[in-house]
C-alpha cells in the first residue's frame, strides 16, 4: 500500500468501543485522512450499521470529495451488503487489511 502524497487520497476507518458506568456499550467510528492525519469524523452511537457508515462517508465527501482509496478492517459493518453497494456506486478503491494485521491500518489504529 503506497503512502499517500496529499490529502484526500486515502481514508482509514476503525471502530473502538467502550461502555458507560451503567454498563451500556457504545461504539465510535473513526475516519482519518492518512496524509494529513486529520480526524474527518468520530461518530458515536450504540449501533453503527453499514448503512450508517456509508451515510457518514457521504457526509464527509460532500465537504471534501471522495477519497481515492478507503482502508478498513474486515468487521461486519465494513463488509456488509450496504458497504459493498456503497463501494460499487462510488467506484472508490476499498482495501481490507488482512485479519489480525492491525499494522496494515496503523495510522487510524494509532489515532484510535
Protein backbone atom coordinates (compact mmCIF):
# COMPACT_ATOMS: atom_id res chain seq x y z
CA UNK A 1 0.00 0.00 0.00
CA UNK A 2 1.61 3.25 -1.15
CA UNK A 3 1.98 6.20 1.19
CA UNK A 4 -0.47 8.97 0.23
CA UNK A 5 1.19 12.07 -1.22
CA UNK A 6 -1.62 14.51 -0.47
CA UNK A 7 -4.85 14.98 1.43
CA UNK A 8 -7.98 13.05 0.49
CA UNK A 9 -6.09 10.29 -1.28
CA UNK A 10 -6.67 7.65 1.38
CA UNK A 11 -9.04 7.48 4.33
CA UNK A 12 -8.79 4.86 7.07
CA UNK A 13 -11.71 3.58 9.14
CA UNK A 14 -11.72 1.92 12.53
CA UNK A 15 -14.18 1.19 15.31
CA UNK A 16 -13.48 1.50 19.00
CA UNK A 17 -15.90 0.62 21.78
CA UNK A 18 -16.40 1.25 25.46
CA UNK A 19 -19.19 1.18 27.99
CA UNK A 20 -20.92 3.68 30.21
CA UNK A 21 -20.91 3.33 34.00
CA UNK A 22 -24.38 1.76 33.71
CA UNK A 23 -22.91 -0.99 31.51
CA UNK A 24 -24.42 0.16 28.21
CA UNK A 25 -21.94 -0.27 25.39
CA UNK A 26 -21.27 2.27 22.65
CA UNK A 27 -19.06 2.40 19.58
CA UNK A 28 -17.11 5.11 17.83
CA UNK A 29 -16.37 5.08 14.10
CA UNK A 30 -13.14 6.99 13.47
CA UNK A 31 -12.40 8.21 9.95
CA UNK A 32 -8.96 9.69 9.35
CA UNK A 33 -7.12 11.14 6.38
CA UNK A 34 -3.88 9.14 6.16
CA UNK A 35 -1.85 12.02 4.71
CA UNK A 36 -2.86 14.91 6.98
CA UNK A 37 -3.71 12.64 9.95
CA UNK A 38 -6.86 14.74 10.40
CA UNK A 39 -9.82 13.11 12.09
CA UNK A 40 -12.56 13.54 9.50
CA UNK A 41 -15.23 12.06 11.76
CA UNK A 42 -15.73 10.43 15.12
CA UNK A 43 -19.28 9.05 15.02
CA UNK A 44 -20.62 7.82 18.37
CA UNK A 45 -23.67 5.60 18.80
CA UNK A 46 -24.80 2.38 20.43
CA UNK A 47 -25.27 0.85 16.97
CA UNK A 48 -23.45 1.73 13.77
CA UNK A 49 -24.66 -0.25 10.76
CA UNK A 50 -23.10 -0.43 7.31
CA UNK A 51 -25.84 1.92 6.08
CA UNK A 52 -24.85 4.47 8.73
CA UNK A 53 -21.17 4.11 7.86
CA UNK A 54 -21.94 4.80 4.19
CA UNK A 55 -24.08 7.80 5.12
CA UNK A 56 -21.26 9.24 7.25
CA UNK A 57 -18.72 8.73 4.45
CA UNK A 58 -21.07 10.52 2.04
CA UNK A 59 -21.45 13.37 4.54
CA UNK A 60 -17.68 13.83 4.73
CA UNK A 61 -17.37 13.60 0.94
CA UNK A 62 -19.93 16.40 0.50
CA UNK A 63 -17.32 18.69 2.02
CA UNK A 64 -14.01 17.13 0.88
CA UNK A 65 -14.90 15.00 -2.12
CA UNK A 66 -14.44 11.23 -2.20
CA UNK A 67 -11.03 9.74 -1.49
CA UNK A 68 -9.09 7.66 -4.00
CA UNK A 69 -8.97 4.78 -1.50
CA UNK A 70 -10.54 3.65 1.76
CA UNK A 71 -8.71 1.24 4.09
CA UNK A 72 -10.62 -0.73 6.72
CA UNK A 73 -10.61 -3.95 8.67
CA UNK A 74 -12.93 -6.87 7.97
CA UNK A 75 -15.57 -6.01 10.59
CA UNK A 76 -19.16 -6.94 9.85
CA UNK A 77 -20.27 -3.33 9.31
CA UNK A 78 -17.47 -2.78 6.80
CA UNK A 79 -18.10 -5.97 4.83
CA UNK A 80 -21.90 -5.67 4.80
CA UNK A 81 -24.01 -5.55 1.65
CA UNK A 82 -24.67 -1.85 2.34
CA UNK A 83 -20.93 -1.04 2.20
CA UNK A 84 -20.36 -3.29 -0.82
CA UNK A 85 -23.12 -1.37 -2.65
CA UNK A 86 -21.62 1.93 -1.46
CA UNK A 87 -18.24 0.92 -2.90
CA UNK A 88 -19.73 -0.19 -6.19
CA UNK A 89 -21.74 3.01 -6.61
CA UNK A 90 -18.86 5.39 -5.72
CA UNK A 91 -16.18 3.49 -7.65
CA UNK A 92 -13.65 4.22 -4.88
CA UNK A 93 -10.96 1.66 -4.27
CA UNK A 94 -11.59 -0.12 -0.98
CA UNK A 95 -8.83 -2.15 0.61
CA UNK A 96 -9.34 -4.52 3.52
CA UNK A 97 -6.44 -5.26 5.83
CA UNK A 98 -5.54 -8.89 6.48
CA UNK A 99 -7.32 -10.31 9.56
CA UNK A 100 -5.27 -9.73 12.69
CA UNK A 101 -2.78 -7.42 10.90
CA UNK A 102 -3.57 -4.11 12.61
CA UNK A 103 -0.28 -2.61 11.44
CA UNK A 104 -1.68 -2.59 7.90
CA UNK A 105 -4.02 0.15 9.10
CA UNK A 106 -1.60 1.66 11.61
CA UNK A 107 -2.45 5.32 11.03
CA UNK A 108 -6.04 5.01 12.22
CA UNK A 109 -5.09 2.39 14.82
CA UNK A 110 -2.63 4.82 16.41
CA UNK A 111 -5.32 7.51 16.38
CA UNK A 112 -7.92 5.27 17.97
